[in-house]
Amino acid sequence: MKIYPIVIVLISVLFAACKPGLSPERLYGKWNYTRVEKPASPGDSITRFVIADEKPFIVFNKDNTLLIYWGGKVLSQGKFTTAGMDIKYREDLGDGKTRDFPFAVNELSDKKIIFETLGVDGSRVTAVRE
């Protein structure tokens, strides 16, 4: 009788481990921001009116470059790779300088992504694929 709960737990763990990981192919395309939150400072979250006006989006290209647009202009650009459920982003700051930081992906489907940067100034972004 005691073996059944153990078997059920093991099967549950196996199914949980089988969910698809993050790959660049799952990211390719344009993703329009629908929500930008500041978890550590909710009062600084971006309103839906600002998002509607500025129309921010992120583009993951097949050459593993990444572009972030805000207000019709490139806000950030660089290269990305994936590791586990993280997007490893190397931002090109110009003059040969770069900055590395990860985006932790909380949710990813064919139509929606939720990712966030960590730390005091971290942001959580919800975006939908165009």
C-alpha atoms as a PDB file:
ATOM      1  CA  MET A   1       0.000   0.000   0.000  1.00  0.00           C
ATOM      2  CA  LYS A   2       2.806   2.460   0.773  1.00  0.00           C
ATOM      3  CA  ILE A   3       4.311   1.993  -2.672  1.00  0.00           C
ATOM      4  CA  TYR A   4       1.350   3.608  -4.479  1.00  0.00           C
ATOM      5  CA  PRO A   5       1.927   7.166  -3.148  1.00  0.00           C
ATOM      6  CA  ILE A   6       5.621   6.897  -4.056  1.00  0.00           C
ATOM      7  CA  VAL A   7       4.797   5.738  -7.596  1.00  0.00           C
ATOM      8  CA  ILE A   8       2.276   8.561  -8.017  1.00  0.00           C
ATOM      9  CA  VAL A   9       4.846  11.145  -6.880  1.00  0.00           C
ATOM     10  CA  LEU A  10       7.502   9.742  -9.230  1.00  0.00           C
ATOM     11  CA  ILE A  11       5.129   9.780 -12.196  1.00  0.00           C
ATOM     12  CA  SER A  12       4.112  13.366 -11.384  1.00  0.00           C
ATOM     13  CA  VAL A  13       7.765  14.443 -11.264  1.00  0.00           C
ATOM     14  CA  LEU A  14       8.438  12.797 -14.624  1.00  0.00           C
ATOM     15  CA  PHE A  15       5.515  14.568 -16.278  1.00  0.00           C
ATOM     16  CA  ALA A  16       6.554  17.920 -14.798  1.00  0.00           C
ATOM     17  CA  ALA A  17      10.078  17.456 -16.138  1.00  0.00           C
ATOM     18  CA  CYS A  18       8.757  16.799 -19.657  1.00  0.00           C
ATOM     19  CA  LYS A  19       7.450  20.290 -20.384  1.00  0.00           C
ATOM     20  CA  PRO A  20       9.246  21.871 -23.345  1.00  0.00           C
ATOM     21  CA  GLY A  21      12.264  23.992 -22.537  1.00  0.00           C
ATOM     22  CA  LEU A  22      13.050  27.370 -23.944  1.00  0.00           C
ATOM     23  CA  SER A  23      14.688  27.376 -27.358  1.00  0.00           C
ATOM     24  CA  PRO A  24      15.454  30.307 -29.666  1.00  0.00           C
ATOM     25  CA  GLU A  25      13.001  28.900 -32.223  1.00  0.00           C
ATOM     26  CA  ARG A  26      10.130  29.316 -29.760  1.00  0.00           C
ATOM     27  CA  LEU A  27      10.986  33.014 -29.404  1.00  0.00           C
ATOM     28  CA  TYR A  28      11.497  34.132 -33.016  1.00  0.00           C
ATOM     29  CA  GLY A  29       9.226  36.940 -34.122  1.00  0.00           C
ATOM     30  CA  LYS A  30       7.738  40.180 -32.887  1.00  0.00           C
ATOM     31  CA  TRP A  31       6.111  40.342 -29.449  1.00  0.00           C
ATOM     32  CA  ASN A  32       3.978  43.386 -28.566  1.00  0.00           C
ATOM     33  CA  TYR A  33       4.037  44.465 -24.924  1.00  0.00           C
ATOM     34  CA  THR A  34       0.645  44.438 -23.232  1.00  0.00           C
ATOM     35  CA  ARG A  35       1.817  44.966 -19.657  1.00  0.00           C
ATOM     36  CA  VAL A  36       4.965  46.218 -17.899  1.00  0.00           C
ATOM     37  CA  GLU A  37       5.105  45.806 -14.133  1.00  0.00           C
ATOM     38  CA  LYS A  38       7.659  46.758 -11.500  1.00  0.00           C
ATOM     39  CA  PRO A  39       7.187  44.039  -8.841  1.00  0.00           C
ATOM     40  CA  ALA A  40       9.450  45.770  -6.300  1.00  0.00           C
ATOM     41  CA  SER A  41       7.737  49.124  -6.865  1.00  0.00           C
ATOM     42  CA  PRO A  42       4.164  48.645  -8.151  1.00  0.00           C
ATOM     43  CA  GLY A  43       3.564  52.394  -8.289  1.00  0.00           C
ATOM     44  CA  ASP A  44       6.202  52.621 -11.030  1.00  0.00           C
ATOM     45  CA  SER A  45       4.458  50.096 -13.290  1.00  0.00           C
ATOM     46  CA  ILE A  46       3.693  51.383 -16.781  1.00  0.00           C
ATOM     47  CA  THR A  47       0.036  52.189 -17.404  1.00  0.00           C
ATOM     48  CA  ARG A  48      -1.894  50.644 -20.266  1.00  0.00           C
ATOM     49  CA  PHE A  49      -2.315  54.165 -21.689  1.00  0.00           C
ATOM     50  CA  VAL A  50       1.459  54.633 -21.963  1.00  0.00           C
ATOM     51  CA  ILE A  51       1.799  51.189 -23.548  1.00  0.00           C
ATOM     52  CA  ALA A  52      -0.954  52.043 -26.072  1.00  0.00           C
ATOM     53  CA  ASP A  53       0.786  55.339 -26.885  1.00  0.00           C
ATOM     54  CA  GLU A  54       4.416  54.136 -27.006  1.00  0.00           C
ATOM     55  CA  LYS A  55       3.690  50.710 -28.573  1.00  0.00           C
ATOM     56  CA  PRO A  56       6.725  48.875 -27.138  1.00  0.00           C
ATOM     57  CA  PHE A  57       7.751  45.501 -28.549  1.00  0.00           C
ATOM     58  CA  ILE A  58      10.629  43.043 -28.635  1.00  0.00           C
ATOM     59  CA  VAL A  59      11.885  41.192 -31.721  1.00  0.00           C
ATOM     60  CA  PHE A  60      13.806  37.921 -31.584  1.00  0.00           C
ATOM     61  CA  ASN A  61      15.525  37.328 -34.945  1.00  0.00           C
ATOM     62  CA  LYS A  62      16.701  34.040 -36.439  1.00  0.00           C
ATOM     63  CA  ASP A  63      20.338  35.213 -36.280  1.00  0.00           C
ATOM     64  CA  ASN A  64      19.813  35.407 -32.484  1.00  0.00           C
ATOM     65  CA  THR A  65      19.799  39.181 -32.402  1.00  0.00           C
ATOM     66  CA  LEU A  66      17.271  40.939 -30.215  1.00  0.00           C
ATOM     67  CA  LEU A  67      15.786  44.414 -30.627  1.00  0.00           C
ATOM     68  CA  ILE A  68      13.606  46.258 -28.120  1.00  0.00           C
ATOM     69  CA  TYR A  69      11.549  49.155 -29.469  1.00  0.00           C
ATOM     70  CA  TRP A  70       9.838  51.886 -27.466  1.00  0.00           C
ATOM     71  CA  GLY A  71       8.054  54.856 -28.993  1.00  0.00           C
ATOM     72  CA  GLY A  72       9.052  53.778 -32.502  1.00  0.00           C
ATOM     73  CA  LYS A  73      12.790  53.831 -31.720  1.00  0.00           C
ATOM     74  CA  VAL A  74      15.297  51.123 -30.866  1.00  0.00           C
ATOM     75  CA  LEU A  75      15.701  51.216 -27.086  1.00  0.00           C
ATOM     76  CA  SER A  76      18.105  48.273 -26.848  1.00  0.00           C
ATOM     77  CA  GLN A  77      19.814  45.793 -29.162  1.00  0.00           C
ATOM     78  CA  GLY A  78      22.147  42.861 -28.849  1.00  0.00           C
ATOM     79  CA  LYS A  79      22.444  39.077 -29.043  1.00  0.00           C
ATOM     80  CA  PHE A  80      20.632  36.381 -27.096  1.00  0.00           C
ATOM     81  CA  THR A  81      20.933  32.722 -26.231  1.00  0.00           C
ATOM     82  CA  THR A  82      18.733  30.490 -24.112  1.00  0.00           C
ATOM     83  CA  ALA A  83      19.589  28.405 -21.064  1.00  0.00           C
ATOM     84  CA  GLY A  84      16.895  26.473 -19.238  1.00  0.00           C
ATOM     85  CA  MET A  85      14.007  28.933 -18.938  1.00  0.00           C
ATOM     86  CA  ASP A  86      16.241  32.015 -19.172  1.00  0.00           C
ATOM     87  CA  ILE A  87      17.061  34.303 -22.061  1.00  0.00           C
ATOM     88  CA  LYS A  88      20.708  35.340 -21.756  1.00  0.00           C
ATOM     89  CA  TYR A  89      20.920  38.810 -23.292  1.00  0.00           C
ATOM     90  CA  ARG A  90      24.158  40.584 -24.232  1.00  0.00           C
ATOM     91  CA  GLU A  91      23.203  44.194 -24.884  1.00  0.00           C
ATOM     92  CA  ASP A  92      25.357  46.176 -27.315  1.00  0.00           C
ATOM     93  CA  LEU A  93      26.075  49.540 -25.659  1.00  0.00           C
ATOM     94  CA  GLY A  94      28.165  50.868 -28.558  1.00  0.00           C
ATOM     95  CA  ASP A  95      31.903  51.596 -28.725  1.00  0.00           C
ATOM     96  CA  GLY A  96      32.594  47.865 -28.273  1.00  0.00           C
ATOM     97  CA  LYS A  97      30.960  47.818 -24.825  1.00  0.00           C
ATOM     98  CA  THR A  98      28.385  45.235 -23.796  1.00  0.00           C
ATOM     99  CA  ARG A  99      26.289  44.385 -20.770  1.00  0.00           C
ATOM    100  CA  ASP A 100      25.054  40.889 -19.889  1.00  0.00           C
ATOM    101  CA  PHE A 101      21.827  40.174 -18.070  1.00  0.00           C
ATOM    102  CA  PRO A 102      19.210  37.437 -18.053  1.00  0.00           C
ATOM    103  CA  PHE A 103      15.487  37.537 -18.630  1.00  0.00           C
ATOM    104  CA  ALA A 104      13.732  34.880 -16.554  1.00  0.00           C
ATOM    105  CA  VAL A 105      10.833  33.454 -18.579  1.00  0.00           C
ATOM    106  CA  ASN A 106       7.852  32.737 -16.329  1.00  0.00           C
ATOM    107  CA  GLU A 107       5.418  31.696 -19.052  1.00  0.00           C
ATOM    108  CA  LEU A 108       5.694  30.947 -22.758  1.00  0.00           C
ATOM    109  CA  SER A 109       3.092  29.770 -25.247  1.00  0.00           C
ATOM    110  CA  ASP A 110       2.786  30.224 -29.007  1.00  0.00           C
ATOM    111  CA  LYS A 111       0.934  33.486 -28.410  1.00  0.00           C
ATOM    112  CA  LYS A 112       2.108  34.892 -25.066  1.00  0.00           C
ATOM    113  CA  ILE A 113       5.326  35.400 -23.119  1.00  0.00           C
ATOM    114  CA  ILE A 114       5.917  36.698 -19.600  1.00  0.00           C
ATOM    115  CA  PHE A 115       9.527  37.479 -18.767  1.00  0.00           C
ATOM    116  CA  GLU A 116      11.294  39.571 -16.183  1.00  0.00           C
ATOM    117  CA  THR A 117      14.579  41.101 -15.241  1.00  0.00           C
ATOM    118  CA  LEU A 118      15.587  40.604 -11.649  1.00  0.00           C
ATOM    119  CA  GLY A 119      16.856  43.021  -9.024  1.00  0.00           C
ATOM    120  CA  VAL A 120      15.642  46.241  -7.457  1.00  0.00           C
ATOM    121  CA  ASP A 121      14.852  47.846 -10.818  1.00  0.00           C
ATOM    122  CA  GLY A 122      13.455  44.617 -12.282  1.00  0.00           C
ATOM    123  CA  SER A 123      10.512  44.661 -14.656  1.00  0.00           C
ATOM    124  CA  ARG A 124       8.003  41.967 -15.572  1.00  0.00           C
ATOM    125  CA  VAL A 125       6.782  42.148 -19.164  1.00  0.00           C
ATOM    126  CA  THR A 126       3.752  40.457 -20.680  1.00  0.00           C
ATOM    127  CA  ALA A 127       3.765  40.401 -24.476  1.00  0.00           C
ATOM    128  CA  VAL A 128       1.765  38.773 -27.253  1.00  0.00           C
ATOM    129  CA  ARG A 129       3.097  37.480 -30.553  1.00  0.00           C
ATOM    130  CA  GLU A 130       2.140  39.485 -33.607  1.00  0.00           C
END
